[in-house]
Amino acid sequence: MVAMVMAEVLNRARQLLPWAV
């Protein structure tokens, strides 16, 4: 589902860019 993809991308983005948040 789209929700799962978005959640995975957001989680990976936070891990790669913890300072961006």
PDB file of N, CA and C in Angstrom:
ATOM      1  N   MET A   1       0.846  -1.206   0.000  1.00  0.00           N
ATOM      2  CA  MET A   1       0.000   0.000   0.000  1.00  0.00           C
ATOM      3  C   MET A   1       0.879   1.253   0.000  1.00  0.00           C
ATOM      4  N   VAL A   2       0.324   2.358  -0.409  1.00  0.00           N
ATOM      5  CA  VAL A   2       1.086   3.607  -0.481  1.00  0.00           C
ATOM      6  C   VAL A   2       1.537   4.039   0.908  1.00  0.00           C
ATOM      7  N   ALA A   3       0.703   3.836   1.905  1.00  0.00           N
ATOM      8  CA  ALA A   3       1.047   4.249   3.277  1.00  0.00           C
ATOM      9  C   ALA A   3       2.320   3.551   3.729  1.00  0.00           C
ATOM     10  N   MET A   4       2.439   2.267   3.394  1.00  0.00           N
ATOM     11  CA  MET A   4       3.630   1.518   3.821  1.00  0.00           C
ATOM     12  C   MET A   4       4.873   2.073   3.138  1.00  0.00           C
ATOM     13  N   VAL A   5       4.758   2.395   1.871  1.00  0.00           N
ATOM     14  CA  VAL A   5       5.908   2.934   1.138  1.00  0.00           C
ATOM     15  C   VAL A   5       6.307   4.285   1.714  1.00  0.00           C
ATOM     16  N   MET A   6       5.329   5.138   1.963  1.00  0.00           N
ATOM     17  CA  MET A   6       5.622   6.467   2.509  1.00  0.00           C
ATOM     18  C   MET A   6       6.277   6.346   3.878  1.00  0.00           C
ATOM     19  N   ALA A   7       5.762   5.451   4.717  1.00  0.00           N
ATOM     20  CA  ALA A   7       6.325   5.270   6.057  1.00  0.00           C
ATOM     21  C   ALA A   7       7.767   4.781   5.958  1.00  0.00           C
ATOM     22  N   GLU A   8       8.032   3.875   5.042  1.00  0.00           N
ATOM     23  CA  GLU A   8       9.393   3.340   4.899  1.00  0.00           C
ATOM     24  C   GLU A   8      10.340   4.438   4.409  1.00  0.00           C
ATOM     25  N   VAL A   9       9.892   5.221   3.444  1.00  0.00           N
ATOM     26  CA  VAL A   9      10.736   6.300   2.914  1.00  0.00           C
ATOM     27  C   VAL A   9      11.010   7.332   4.002  1.00  0.00           C
ATOM     28  N   LEU A  10       9.981   7.694   4.760  1.00  0.00           N
ATOM     29  CA  LEU A  10      10.168   8.692   5.825  1.00  0.00           C
ATOM     30  C   LEU A  10      11.124   8.160   6.878  1.00  0.00           C
ATOM     31  N   ASN A  11      10.970   6.896   7.241  1.00  0.00           N
ATOM     32  CA  ASN A  11      11.846   6.318   8.258  1.00  0.00           C
ATOM     33  C   ASN A  11      13.293   6.297   7.771  1.00  0.00           C
ATOM     34  N   ARG A  12      13.485   5.914   6.524  1.00  0.00           N
ATOM     35  CA  ARG A  12      14.849   5.862   5.972  1.00  0.00           C
ATOM     36  C   ARG A  12      15.411   7.274   5.859  1.00  0.00           C
ATOM     37  N   ALA A  13      14.582   8.221   5.485  1.00  0.00           N
ATOM     38  CA  ALA A  13      15.049   9.608   5.347  1.00  0.00           C
ATOM     39  C   ALA A  13      15.496  10.135   6.706  1.00  0.00           C
ATOM     40  N   ARG A  14      14.740   9.793   7.757  1.00  0.00           N
ATOM     41  CA  ARG A  14      15.125  10.278   9.099  1.00  0.00           C
ATOM     42  C   ARG A  14      16.448   9.658   9.526  1.00  0.00           C
ATOM     43  N   GLN A  15      16.694   8.414   9.140  1.00  0.00           N
ATOM     44  CA  GLN A  15      17.950   7.769   9.519  1.00  0.00           C
ATOM     45  C   GLN A  15      19.110   8.380   8.737  1.00  0.00           C
ATOM     46  N   LEU A  16      18.854   8.716   7.467  1.00  0.00           N
ATOM     47  CA  LEU A  16      19.924   9.274   6.641  1.00  0.00           C
ATOM     48  C   LEU A  16      20.119  10.760   6.931  1.00  0.00           C
ATOM     49  N   LEU A  17      19.037  11.434   7.285  1.00  0.00           N
ATOM     50  CA  LEU A  17      19.130  12.876   7.549  1.00  0.00           C
ATOM     51  C   LEU A  17      18.539  13.219   8.915  1.00  0.00           C
ATOM     52  N   PRO A  18      19.152  12.728   9.994  1.00  0.00           N
ATOM     53  CA  PRO A  18      18.637  12.998  11.344  1.00  0.00           C
ATOM     54  C   PRO A  18      18.770  14.467  11.694  1.00  0.00           C
ATOM     55  N   TRP A  19      19.713  15.155  11.058  1.00  0.00           N
ATOM     56  CA  TRP A  19      19.919  16.575  11.353  1.00  0.00           C
ATOM     57  C   TRP A  19      18.933  17.434  10.583  1.00  0.00           C
ATOM     58  N   ALA A  20      18.366  16.882   9.511  1.00  0.00           N
ATOM     59  CA  ALA A  20      17.421  17.650   8.704  1.00  0.00           C
ATOM     60  C   ALA A  20      16.124  17.856   9.482  1.00  0.00           C
ATOM     61  N   VAL A  21      15.811  16.873  10.337  1.00  0.00           N
ATOM     62  CA  VAL A  21      14.571  16.976  11.109  1.00  0.00           C
ATOM     63  C   VAL A  21      14.807  17.958  12.243  1.00  0.00           C
TER      64      VAL A  21
END
